Amino acid sequence: MRLAFMGSPAFALPALEALIEAGHEIACVYSQPPRPAGRGKQERMTLVHAFAVAHGLPLRTPKSLKKTDEQAAFAALDLDAAIVVAYGLILPKAILDAPRLGAFNLHGSLLPRWRGAAPIQRAIMAGDHVTGVQVMRMEEGLDTGPVLGSAETPIDFDDTSSTLHDRLAVLGAGLLVDALKSVERGEAIETPQSESGVTYAHKITSAETRIDWTRPAREVDCAIRGLSPHPGAWFELNGARIKVLMSRLGQGDGAPGEALDDELLIACGQGAVRLLIVQREGRGPMVAEAFLRGQPVSAGQRLGWACV
């Protein structure tokens, strides 16, 4: 089929590669425009943008699709379908209606749970045991369209948003190719989403990233792993901000934020978590043993714990 692919971050790349390998024609790639990033604030293109350039694919990076000239240019592509994977821009009705067969989205959750911007992070943070990917027909509502296909995966005790992201991206790529086969053949079964069980995966706020040691250990562990590696859950130690990139549940009781041994076993409101990988401001990630050689944390010491 003749497709427009609309995506921006790493999550979208396996899907784009799979569509090309399956023989679909990519009439145009749409991605978010380059934006200042890093310490030098130099403009940086998205990973999908970079892929399109490297592979000589037609590319557009509009700031918005609400203008009539952008909508006319999109309609002029004469598409069979539009494929959207973590694009990051709202698609007006004129864009959704332009392709002959419609627009389809690969979403990183089992809808209607975790509609919205951060489904992978929110699933881990909420302590979900299972998540997945789904292909849905796009409507004007936020992730409300009927579902054409689903694939599930367990959320393991050592999953972070990074590991789960990578697994879902690959799982979703295969699911998307299969769903498009059914669409092309006119055999797709579109199942309306349930009206119960709707949750929203709102964007992560900075206030959520500081670790609240008064919460139960399981909630603290899920928050740490769900926010790893970006933006990262953190605490203060001797005035410095320390990110925690990996943890696991431990055993012990104490005042919230209290070190229960000399190896970063930290008490929570109920139970304890052991910090496994941490990162001091301006430095790279370190396993706890290496971190403690330069910054000892002794049993009885209490980490900064008040929420902001």
C-alpha atoms as a PDB file:
ATOM      1  CA  MET A   1       0.000   0.000   0.000  1.00  0.00           C
ATOM      2  CA  ARG A   2       0.962   3.621  -0.417  1.00  0.00           C
ATOM      3  CA  LEU A   3       1.478   5.001   3.097  1.00  0.00           C
ATOM      4  CA  ALA A   4       2.423   8.079   5.037  1.00  0.00           C
ATOM      5  CA  PHE A   5       4.370   7.224   8.173  1.00  0.00           C
ATOM      6  CA  MET A   6       4.015   9.673  11.038  1.00  0.00           C
ATOM      7  CA  GLY A   7       6.352   9.173  13.999  1.00  0.00           C
ATOM      8  CA  SER A   8       9.168  10.778  15.940  1.00  0.00           C
ATOM      9  CA  PRO A   9      11.053   8.830  18.666  1.00  0.00           C
ATOM     10  CA  ALA A  10      12.853   5.500  18.870  1.00  0.00           C
ATOM     11  CA  PHE A  11       9.607   3.628  19.572  1.00  0.00           C
ATOM     12  CA  ALA A  12       8.495   4.318  15.974  1.00  0.00           C
ATOM     13  CA  LEU A  13      11.621   3.059  14.196  1.00  0.00           C
ATOM     14  CA  PRO A  14      10.971  -0.727  14.262  1.00  0.00           C
ATOM     15  CA  ALA A  15       7.498  -0.105  12.821  1.00  0.00           C
ATOM     16  CA  LEU A  16       8.836   2.026   9.977  1.00  0.00           C
ATOM     17  CA  GLU A  17      11.526  -0.529   9.175  1.00  0.00           C
ATOM     18  CA  ALA A  18       8.973  -3.365   9.250  1.00  0.00           C
ATOM     19  CA  LEU A  19       6.640  -1.538   6.846  1.00  0.00           C
ATOM     20  CA  ILE A  20       9.464  -0.981   4.380  1.00  0.00           C
ATOM     21  CA  GLU A  21      10.588  -4.619   4.657  1.00  0.00           C
ATOM     22  CA  ALA A  22       6.992  -5.745   4.052  1.00  0.00           C
ATOM     23  CA  GLY A  23       7.043  -3.946   0.714  1.00  0.00           C
ATOM     24  CA  HIS A  24       4.826  -0.980   1.459  1.00  0.00           C
ATOM     25  CA  GLU A  25       5.552   2.285  -0.346  1.00  0.00           C
ATOM     26  CA  ILE A  26       6.387   5.122   2.037  1.00  0.00           C
ATOM     27  CA  ALA A  27       5.093   8.129   0.123  1.00  0.00           C
ATOM     28  CA  CYS A  28       6.184  10.506   2.882  1.00  0.00           C
ATOM     29  CA  VAL A  29       7.532  10.443   6.418  1.00  0.00           C
ATOM     30  CA  TYR A  30       6.163  13.005   8.849  1.00  0.00           C
ATOM     31  CA  SER A  31       8.079  13.775  12.018  1.00  0.00           C
ATOM     32  CA  GLN A  32       8.284  16.507  14.624  1.00  0.00           C
ATOM     33  CA  PRO A  33      10.535  19.407  13.600  1.00  0.00           C
ATOM     34  CA  PRO A  34      14.093  19.620  14.963  1.00  0.00           C
ATOM     35  CA  ARG A  35      14.312  21.284  18.359  1.00  0.00           C
ATOM     36  CA  PRO A  36      17.159  22.630  20.539  1.00  0.00           C
ATOM     37  CA  ALA A  37      18.584  19.913  22.767  1.00  0.00           C
ATOM     38  CA  GLY A  38      21.599  19.195  24.939  1.00  0.00           C
ATOM     39  CA  ARG A  39      23.903  21.627  26.680  1.00  0.00           C
ATOM     40  CA  GLY A  40      24.701  23.481  23.465  1.00  0.00           C
ATOM     41  CA  LYS A  41      20.993  23.815  22.614  1.00  0.00           C
ATOM     42  CA  GLN A  42      21.737  22.856  19.037  1.00  0.00           C
ATOM     43  CA  GLU A  43      18.790  21.771  16.943  1.00  0.00           C
ATOM     44  CA  ARG A  44      18.436  18.007  16.929  1.00  0.00           C
ATOM     45  CA  MET A  45      16.285  16.021  14.535  1.00  0.00           C
ATOM     46  CA  THR A  46      14.103  13.184  15.785  1.00  0.00           C
ATOM     47  CA  LEU A  47      15.302   9.617  15.244  1.00  0.00           C
ATOM     48  CA  VAL A  48      12.590   9.044  12.634  1.00  0.00           C
ATOM     49  CA  HIS A  49      13.681  12.233  10.850  1.00  0.00           C
ATOM     50  CA  ALA A  50      17.292  11.012  10.842  1.00  0.00           C
ATOM     51  CA  PHE A  51      16.227   7.598   9.530  1.00  0.00           C
ATOM     52  CA  ALA A  52      14.263   9.184   6.697  1.00  0.00           C
ATOM     53  CA  VAL A  53      17.217  11.336   5.687  1.00  0.00           C
ATOM     54  CA  ALA A  54      19.622   8.390   5.821  1.00  0.00           C
ATOM     55  CA  HIS A  55      17.347   6.268   3.636  1.00  0.00           C
ATOM     56  CA  GLY A  56      16.325   8.949   1.179  1.00  0.00           C
ATOM     57  CA  LEU A  57      12.646   8.932   2.142  1.00  0.00           C
ATOM     58  CA  PRO A  58      10.457  11.971   1.384  1.00  0.00           C
ATOM     59  CA  LEU A  59      10.134  13.965   4.589  1.00  0.00           C
ATOM     60  CA  ARG A  60       8.004  16.715   6.088  1.00  0.00           C
ATOM     61  CA  THR A  61       8.348  18.243   9.555  1.00  0.00           C
ATOM     62  CA  PRO A  62       5.468  20.694  10.020  1.00  0.00           C
ATOM     63  CA  LYS A  63       4.938  22.328  13.402  1.00  0.00           C
ATOM     64  CA  SER A  64       1.200  21.811  12.996  1.00  0.00           C
ATOM     65  CA  LEU A  65      -1.237  20.073  10.661  1.00  0.00           C
ATOM     66  CA  LYS A  66      -4.057  22.529  11.251  1.00  0.00           C
ATOM     67  CA  LYS A  67      -3.232  24.841   8.336  1.00  0.00           C
ATOM     68  CA  THR A  68      -5.118  24.287   5.104  1.00  0.00           C
ATOM     69  CA  ASP A  69      -1.955  24.241   2.987  1.00  0.00           C
ATOM     70  CA  GLU A  70      -0.501  21.391   5.082  1.00  0.00           C
ATOM     71  CA  GLN A  71      -3.778  19.489   4.831  1.00  0.00           C
ATOM     72  CA  ALA A  72      -3.880  19.998   1.062  1.00  0.00           C
ATOM     73  CA  ALA A  73      -0.306  18.748   0.712  1.00  0.00           C
ATOM     74  CA  PHE A  74      -1.186  15.671   2.750  1.00  0.00           C
ATOM     75  CA  ALA A  75      -4.285  14.950   0.660  1.00  0.00           C
ATOM     76  CA  ALA A  76      -2.228  15.329  -2.532  1.00  0.00           C
ATOM     77  CA  LEU A  77      -0.120  12.317  -1.495  1.00  0.00           C
ATOM     78  CA  ASP A  78      -3.039  10.117  -2.605  1.00  0.00           C
ATOM     79  CA  LEU A  79      -2.535   7.657   0.232  1.00  0.00           C
ATOM     80  CA  ASP A  80      -4.046   4.283   0.919  1.00  0.00           C
ATOM     81  CA  ALA A  81      -3.468   4.763   4.651  1.00  0.00           C
ATOM     82  CA  ALA A  82      -1.631   6.846   7.234  1.00  0.00           C
ATOM     83  CA  ILE A  83       0.336   5.075   9.963  1.00  0.00           C
ATOM     84  CA  VAL A  84       0.913   6.926  13.226  1.00  0.00           C
ATOM     85  CA  VAL A  85       3.409   5.754  15.861  1.00  0.00           C
ATOM     86  CA  ALA A  86       4.299   8.173  18.659  1.00  0.00           C
ATOM     87  CA  TYR A  87       4.101  11.161  16.328  1.00  0.00           C
ATOM     88  CA  GLY A  88       3.326  13.812  18.917  1.00  0.00           C
ATOM     89  CA  LEU A  89       1.050  16.096  16.898  1.00  0.00           C
ATOM     90  CA  ILE A  90      -2.729  16.216  16.848  1.00  0.00           C
ATOM     91  CA  LEU A  91      -4.244  14.993  13.581  1.00  0.00           C
ATOM     92  CA  PRO A  92      -7.230  17.105  12.504  1.00  0.00           C
ATOM     93  CA  LYS A  93     -10.248  15.456  10.886  1.00  0.00           C
ATOM     94  CA  ALA A  94      -9.093  16.544   7.425  1.00  0.00           C
ATOM     95  CA  ILE A  95      -5.872  14.546   7.896  1.00  0.00           C
ATOM     96  CA  LEU A  96      -7.660  11.507   9.312  1.00  0.00           C
ATOM     97  CA  ASP A  97     -10.125  11.463   6.420  1.00  0.00           C
ATOM     98  CA  ALA A  98      -7.649  11.997   3.578  1.00  0.00           C
ATOM     99  CA  PRO A  99      -6.259   8.429   3.101  1.00  0.00           C
ATOM    100  CA  ARG A 100      -8.480   6.010   1.185  1.00  0.00           C
ATOM    101  CA  LEU A 101      -8.566   3.439   4.010  1.00  0.00           C
ATOM    102  CA  GLY A 102      -8.080   5.803   6.944  1.00  0.00           C
ATOM    103  CA  ALA A 103      -5.424   6.381   9.597  1.00  0.00           C
ATOM    104  CA  PHE A 104      -4.125   3.724  11.989  1.00  0.00           C
ATOM    105  CA  ASN A 105      -2.192   4.109  15.221  1.00  0.00           C
ATOM    106  CA  LEU A 106       0.180   1.732  17.001  1.00  0.00           C
ATOM    107  CA  HIS A 107      -0.290   2.410  20.718  1.00  0.00           C
ATOM    108  CA  GLY A 108       1.851   1.146  23.599  1.00  0.00           C
ATOM    109  CA  SER A 109      -0.850  -0.175  25.937  1.00  0.00           C
ATOM    110  CA  LEU A 110      -3.917  -2.395  26.097  1.00  0.00           C
ATOM    111  CA  LEU A 111      -6.678   0.111  25.483  1.00  0.00           C
ATOM    112  CA  PRO A 112      -8.726   1.573  27.017  1.00  0.00           C
ATOM    113  CA  ARG A 113      -6.117   1.393  29.811  1.00  0.00           C
ATOM    114  CA  TRP A 114      -3.468   4.085  29.493  1.00  0.00           C
ATOM    115  CA  ARG A 115      -4.755   6.279  26.728  1.00  0.00           C
ATOM    116  CA  GLY A 116      -2.481   9.250  26.181  1.00  0.00           C
ATOM    117  CA  ALA A 117       1.140  10.312  26.170  1.00  0.00           C
ATOM    118  CA  ALA A 118       3.074   8.040  28.566  1.00  0.00           C
ATOM    119  CA  PRO A 119       1.489   4.563  28.543  1.00  0.00           C
ATOM    120  CA  ILE A 120       4.698   2.574  29.030  1.00  0.00           C
ATOM    121  CA  GLN A 121       5.903   4.570  32.018  1.00  0.00           C
ATOM    122  CA  ARG A 122       2.468   4.679  33.616  1.00  0.00           C
ATOM    123  CA  ALA A 123       1.946   0.925  33.321  1.00  0.00           C
ATOM    124  CA  ILE A 124       5.105   0.226  35.329  1.00  0.00           C
ATOM    125  CA  MET A 125       4.489   3.041  37.800  1.00  0.00           C
ATOM    126  CA  ALA A 126       0.995   1.684  38.497  1.00  0.00           C
ATOM    127  CA  GLY A 127       2.329  -1.818  39.194  1.00  0.00           C
ATOM    128  CA  ASP A 128       0.547  -3.431  36.239  1.00  0.00           C
ATOM    129  CA  HIS A 129       1.516  -7.053  35.662  1.00  0.00           C
ATOM    130  CA  VAL A 130       0.670  -7.140  31.943  1.00  0.00           C
ATOM    131  CA  THR A 131       0.690  -4.607  29.135  1.00  0.00           C
ATOM    132  CA  GLY A 132       0.955  -4.725  25.371  1.00  0.00           C
ATOM    133  CA  VAL A 133       0.500  -2.967  22.064  1.00  0.00           C
ATOM    134  CA  GLN A 134      -2.561  -2.418  19.931  1.00  0.00           C
ATOM    135  CA  VAL A 135      -3.341  -1.183  16.443  1.00  0.00           C
ATOM    136  CA  MET A 136      -6.433   0.985  16.294  1.00  0.00           C
ATOM    137  CA  ARG A 137      -8.289   3.031  13.733  1.00  0.00           C
ATOM    138  CA  MET A 138      -7.841   6.677  14.579  1.00  0.00           C
ATOM    139  CA  GLU A 139     -10.737   8.925  15.475  1.00  0.00           C
ATOM    140  CA  GLU A 140     -10.836  12.537  16.621  1.00  0.00           C
ATOM    141  CA  GLY A 141     -10.932  11.439  20.284  1.00  0.00           C
ATOM    142  CA  LEU A 142      -7.781  10.648  22.268  1.00  0.00           C
ATOM    143  CA  ASP A 143      -6.975   6.968  21.573  1.00  0.00           C
ATOM    144  CA  THR A 144     -10.665   6.080  21.390  1.00  0.00           C
ATOM    145  CA  GLY A 145     -10.874   4.214  18.066  1.00  0.00           C
ATOM    146  CA  PRO A 146     -11.723   0.561  17.461  1.00  0.00           C
ATOM    147  CA  VAL A 147      -8.934  -1.984  17.835  1.00  0.00           C
ATOM    148  CA  LEU A 148      -7.722  -4.147  14.932  1.00  0.00           C
ATOM    149  CA  GLY A 149      -5.119  -6.208  16.741  1.00  0.00           C
ATOM    150  CA  SER A 150      -3.426  -6.736  20.119  1.00  0.00           C
ATOM    151  CA  ALA A 151      -0.294  -8.354  21.498  1.00  0.00           C
ATOM    152  CA  GLU A 152       0.495  -8.754  25.203  1.00  0.00           C
ATOM    153  CA  THR A 153       3.668  -9.019  27.270  1.00  0.00           C
ATOM    154  CA  PRO A 154       4.204  -9.432  31.024  1.00  0.00           C
ATOM    155  CA  ILE A 155       5.827  -6.644  32.994  1.00  0.00           C
ATOM    156  CA  ASP A 156       8.695  -8.324  34.822  1.00  0.00           C
ATOM    157  CA  PHE A 157       9.980  -7.329  38.269  1.00  0.00           C
ATOM    158  CA  ASP A 158      13.162  -5.961  36.686  1.00  0.00           C
ATOM    159  CA  ASP A 159      11.577  -4.111  33.761  1.00  0.00           C
ATOM    160  CA  THR A 160      12.256  -0.413  33.387  1.00  0.00           C
ATOM    161  CA  SER A 161      10.508   1.901  30.963  1.00  0.00           C
ATOM    162  CA  SER A 162      13.539   1.408  28.700  1.00  0.00           C
ATOM    163  CA  THR A 163      13.425  -2.399  28.553  1.00  0.00           C
ATOM    164  CA  LEU A 164       9.650  -2.472  28.226  1.00  0.00           C
ATOM    165  CA  HIS A 165       9.762   0.239  25.553  1.00  0.00           C
ATOM    166  CA  ASP A 166      12.180  -1.764  23.421  1.00  0.00           C
ATOM    167  CA  ARG A 167      10.182  -4.980  23.773  1.00  0.00           C
ATOM    168  CA  LEU A 168       6.899  -3.296  22.896  1.00  0.00           C
ATOM    169  CA  ALA A 169       8.414  -1.480  19.911  1.00  0.00           C
ATOM    170  CA  VAL A 170       9.481  -4.782  18.319  1.00  0.00           C
ATOM    171  CA  LEU A 171       6.233  -6.518  19.278  1.00  0.00           C
ATOM    172  CA  GLY A 172       4.246  -3.638  17.815  1.00  0.00           C
ATOM    173  CA  ALA A 173       6.116  -3.624  14.515  1.00  0.00           C
ATOM    174  CA  GLY A 174       5.054  -7.175  13.723  1.00  0.00           C
ATOM    175  CA  LEU A 175       1.513  -6.538  14.913  1.00  0.00           C
ATOM    176  CA  LEU A 176       1.235  -3.480  12.673  1.00  0.00           C
ATOM    177  CA  VAL A 177       2.343  -5.355   9.560  1.00  0.00           C
ATOM    178  CA  ASP A 178      -0.192  -8.112  10.243  1.00  0.00           C
ATOM    179  CA  ALA A 179      -2.985  -5.612  10.887  1.00  0.00           C
ATOM    180  CA  LEU A 180      -2.298  -3.816   7.617  1.00  0.00           C
ATOM    181  CA  LYS A 181      -2.460  -7.109   5.741  1.00  0.00           C
ATOM    182  CA  SER A 182      -5.983  -7.601   7.041  1.00  0.00           C
ATOM    183  CA  VAL A 183      -6.914  -4.033   6.131  1.00  0.00           C
ATOM    184  CA  GLU A 184      -5.530  -4.428   2.628  1.00  0.00           C
ATOM    185  CA  ARG A 185      -7.507  -7.642   2.115  1.00  0.00           C
ATOM    186  CA  GLY A 186     -10.687  -6.174   3.540  1.00  0.00           C
ATOM    187  CA  GLU A 187     -10.635  -8.754   6.349  1.00  0.00           C
ATOM    188  CA  ALA A 188      -9.928  -6.504   9.331  1.00  0.00           C
ATOM    189  CA  ILE A 189     -12.139  -6.954  12.373  1.00  0.00           C
ATOM    190  CA  GLU A 190     -12.496  -3.685  14.256  1.00  0.00           C
ATOM    191  CA  THR A 191     -13.511  -4.131  17.882  1.00  0.00           C
ATOM    192  CA  PRO A 192     -14.850  -1.091  19.754  1.00  0.00           C
ATOM    193  CA  GLN A 193     -13.049  -0.288  22.979  1.00  0.00           C
ATOM    194  CA  SER A 194     -14.732  -1.034  26.267  1.00  0.00           C
ATOM    195  CA  GLU A 195     -16.386   1.902  27.964  1.00  0.00           C
ATOM    196  CA  SER A 196     -15.124   0.680  31.356  1.00  0.00           C
ATOM    197  CA  GLY A 197     -11.565   0.573  32.607  1.00  0.00           C
ATOM    198  CA  VAL A 198     -10.491   3.809  30.926  1.00  0.00           C
ATOM    199  CA  THR A 199      -7.320   5.354  32.367  1.00  0.00           C
ATOM    200  CA  TYR A 200      -5.148   8.183  31.081  1.00  0.00           C
ATOM    201  CA  ALA A 201      -1.378   8.146  30.809  1.00  0.00           C
ATOM    202  CA  HIS A 202      -0.714  11.814  31.434  1.00  0.00           C
ATOM    203  CA  LYS A 203       2.718  13.263  30.743  1.00  0.00           C
ATOM    204  CA  ILE A 204       5.200  12.839  33.574  1.00  0.00           C
ATOM    205  CA  THR A 205       5.554  15.972  35.690  1.00  0.00           C
ATOM    206  CA  SER A 206       8.699  17.072  37.507  1.00  0.00           C
ATOM    207  CA  ALA A 207       6.849  16.866  40.831  1.00  0.00           C
ATOM    208  CA  GLU A 208       6.428  13.113  40.343  1.00  0.00           C
ATOM    209  CA  THR A 209      10.118  12.405  39.903  1.00  0.00           C
ATOM    210  CA  ARG A 210      11.311  13.082  43.442  1.00  0.00           C
ATOM    211  CA  ILE A 211      11.145   9.859  45.451  1.00  0.00           C
ATOM    212  CA  ASP A 212       8.638   9.876  48.291  1.00  0.00           C
ATOM    213  CA  TRP A 213      10.061   7.389  50.763  1.00  0.00           C
ATOM    214  CA  THR A 214       6.833   7.496  52.808  1.00  0.00           C
ATOM    215  CA  ARG A 215       5.083   5.418  50.135  1.00  0.00           C
ATOM    216  CA  PRO A 216       5.061   1.591  50.339  1.00  0.00           C
ATOM    217  CA  ALA A 217       8.181  -0.095  48.989  1.00  0.00           C
ATOM    218  CA  ARG A 218       6.377  -1.628  46.009  1.00  0.00           C
ATOM    219  CA  GLU A 219       5.130   1.790  44.909  1.00  0.00           C
ATOM    220  CA  VAL A 220       8.594   3.307  45.294  1.00  0.00           C
ATOM    221  CA  ASP A 221      10.175   0.467  43.304  1.00  0.00           C
ATOM    222  CA  CYS A 222       7.574   0.785  40.536  1.00  0.00           C
ATOM    223  CA  ALA A 223       8.088   4.557  40.381  1.00  0.00           C
ATOM    224  CA  ILE A 224      11.860   4.169  40.111  1.00  0.00           C
ATOM    225  CA  ARG A 225      11.663   1.609  37.324  1.00  0.00           C
ATOM    226  CA  GLY A 226       8.854   3.384  35.492  1.00  0.00           C
ATOM    227  CA  LEU A 227      10.834   6.630  35.400  1.00  0.00           C
ATOM    228  CA  SER A 228      14.103   4.955  34.355  1.00  0.00           C
ATOM    229  CA  PRO A 229      16.091   6.110  32.517  1.00  0.00           C
ATOM    230  CA  HIS A 230      14.193   9.299  31.687  1.00  0.00           C
ATOM    231  CA  PRO A 231      13.408  11.564  33.420  1.00  0.00           C
ATOM    232  CA  GLY A 232      14.643   9.484  36.355  1.00  0.00           C
ATOM    233  CA  ALA A 233      13.428   9.245  39.955  1.00  0.00           C
ATOM    234  CA  TRP A 234      15.740  11.036  42.388  1.00  0.00           C
ATOM    235  CA  PHE A 235      16.565  11.926  45.980  1.00  0.00           C
ATOM    236  CA  GLU A 236      18.948  14.378  47.637  1.00  0.00           C
ATOM    237  CA  LEU A 237      22.151  13.307  49.343  1.00  0.00           C
ATOM    238  CA  ASN A 238      24.387  15.912  50.969  1.00  0.00           C
ATOM    239  CA  GLY A 239      22.819  18.606  48.795  1.00  0.00           C
ATOM    240  CA  ALA A 240      23.314  16.717  45.513  1.00  0.00           C
ATOM    241  CA  ARG A 241      20.609  15.203  43.355  1.00  0.00           C
ATOM    242  CA  ILE A 242      20.981  11.438  42.865  1.00  0.00           C
ATOM    243  CA  LYS A 243      18.943   9.608  40.256  1.00  0.00           C
ATOM    244  CA  VAL A 244      17.978   5.996  40.845  1.00  0.00           C
ATOM    245  CA  LEU A 245      17.860   3.980  37.637  1.00  0.00           C
ATOM    246  CA  MET A 246      17.292   0.498  39.040  1.00  0.00           C
ATOM    247  CA  SER A 247      16.017  -0.954  42.298  1.00  0.00           C
ATOM    248  CA  ARG A 248      14.447  -4.076  43.727  1.00  0.00           C
ATOM    249  CA  LEU A 249      12.275  -4.840  46.717  1.00  0.00           C
ATOM    250  CA  GLY A 250      14.164  -5.562  49.935  1.00  0.00           C
ATOM    251  CA  GLN A 251      13.354  -6.539  53.488  1.00  0.00           C
ATOM    252  CA  GLY A 252      13.475  -4.304  56.518  1.00  0.00           C
ATOM    253  CA  ASP A 253      11.721  -1.532  58.393  1.00  0.00           C
ATOM    254  CA  GLY A 254      12.731   1.915  59.515  1.00  0.00           C
ATOM    255  CA  ALA A 255      11.980   5.588  59.201  1.00  0.00           C
ATOM    256  CA  PRO A 256      11.152   6.551  55.589  1.00  0.00           C
ATOM    257  CA  GLY A 257      14.394   7.322  53.751  1.00  0.00           C
ATOM    258  CA  GLU A 258      16.607   5.662  56.385  1.00  0.00           C
ATOM    259  CA  ALA A 259      19.506   3.513  55.209  1.00  0.00           C
ATOM    260  CA  LEU A 260      19.090   0.092  56.829  1.00  0.00           C
ATOM    261  CA  ASP A 261      22.594  -1.100  55.927  1.00  0.00           C
ATOM    262  CA  ASP A 262      25.727   0.240  54.255  1.00  0.00           C
ATOM    263  CA  GLU A 263      24.652  -1.003  50.798  1.00  0.00           C
ATOM    264  CA  LEU A 264      21.708   1.295  49.951  1.00  0.00           C
ATOM    265  CA  LEU A 265      18.846  -0.683  51.441  1.00  0.00           C
ATOM    266  CA  ILE A 266      16.419   2.163  52.099  1.00  0.00           C
ATOM    267  CA  ALA A 267      13.335   2.063  54.307  1.00  0.00           C
ATOM    268  CA  CYS A 268       9.976   3.124  52.882  1.00  0.00           C
ATOM    269  CA  GLY A 269       6.579   3.753  54.444  1.00  0.00           C
ATOM    270  CA  GLN A 270       6.142  -0.022  54.391  1.00  0.00           C
ATOM    271  CA  GLY A 271       9.092  -2.298  53.669  1.00  0.00           C
ATOM    272  CA  ALA A 272      12.276  -1.299  51.899  1.00  0.00           C
ATOM    273  CA  VAL A 273      13.939  -1.047  48.495  1.00  0.00           C
ATOM    274  CA  ARG A 274      17.529  -1.722  47.545  1.00  0.00           C
ATOM    275  CA  LEU A 275      19.027   0.805  45.134  1.00  0.00           C
ATOM    276  CA  LEU A 276      21.064  -0.993  42.464  1.00  0.00           C
ATOM    277  CA  ILE A 277      22.056   1.625  39.877  1.00  0.00           C
ATOM    278  CA  VAL A 278      22.341   5.326  40.660  1.00  0.00           C
ATOM    279  CA  GLN A 279      23.587   8.445  38.902  1.00  0.00           C
ATOM    280  CA  ARG A 280      25.025  11.564  40.502  1.00  0.00           C
ATOM    281  CA  GLU A 281      24.426  14.902  38.783  1.00  0.00           C
ATOM    282  CA  GLY A 282      26.843  15.406  35.884  1.00  0.00           C
ATOM    283  CA  ARG A 283      28.097  11.809  35.958  1.00  0.00           C
ATOM    284  CA  GLY A 284      27.236   8.511  34.339  1.00  0.00           C
ATOM    285  CA  PRO A 285      25.226   5.653  35.865  1.00  0.00           C
ATOM    286  CA  MET A 286      27.037   3.553  38.479  1.00  0.00           C
ATOM    287  CA  VAL A 287      26.264   0.318  40.256  1.00  0.00           C
ATOM    288  CA  ALA A 288      25.670   0.880  43.946  1.00  0.00           C
ATOM    289  CA  GLU A 289      29.006  -0.644  45.028  1.00  0.00           C
ATOM    290  CA  ALA A 290      31.008   1.751  42.846  1.00  0.00           C
ATOM    291  CA  PHE A 291      28.912   4.735  43.890  1.00  0.00           C
ATOM    292  CA  LEU A 292      29.392   3.970  47.578  1.00  0.00           C
ATOM    293  CA  ARG A 293      33.182   3.913  47.254  1.00  0.00           C
ATOM    294  CA  GLY A 294      33.081   7.628  46.500  1.00  0.00           C
ATOM    295  CA  GLN A 295      29.961   8.526  48.473  1.00  0.00           C
ATOM    296  CA  PRO A 296      29.413   6.231  51.465  1.00  0.00           C
ATOM    297  CA  VAL A 297      25.913   5.958  52.897  1.00  0.00           C
ATOM    298  CA  SER A 298      25.976   4.417  56.366  1.00  0.00           C
ATOM    299  CA  ALA A 299      23.238   2.554  58.165  1.00  0.00           C
ATOM    300  CA  GLY A 300      21.066   5.019  60.042  1.00  0.00           C
ATOM    301  CA  GLN A 301      21.684   7.886  57.604  1.00  0.00           C
ATOM    302  CA  ARG A 302      18.453   9.377  56.299  1.00  0.00           C
ATOM    303  CA  LEU A 303      18.116  10.431  52.674  1.00  0.00           C
ATOM    304  CA  GLY A 304      16.239  13.549  51.651  1.00  0.00           C
ATOM    305  CA  TRP A 305      12.658  12.387  51.384  1.00  0.00           C
ATOM    306  CA  ALA A 306      10.112  15.228  51.525  1.00  0.00           C
ATOM    307  CA  CYS A 307       7.956  15.493  48.405  1.00  0.00           C
ATOM    308  CA  VAL A 308       7.845  18.754  46.442  1.00  0.00           C
END
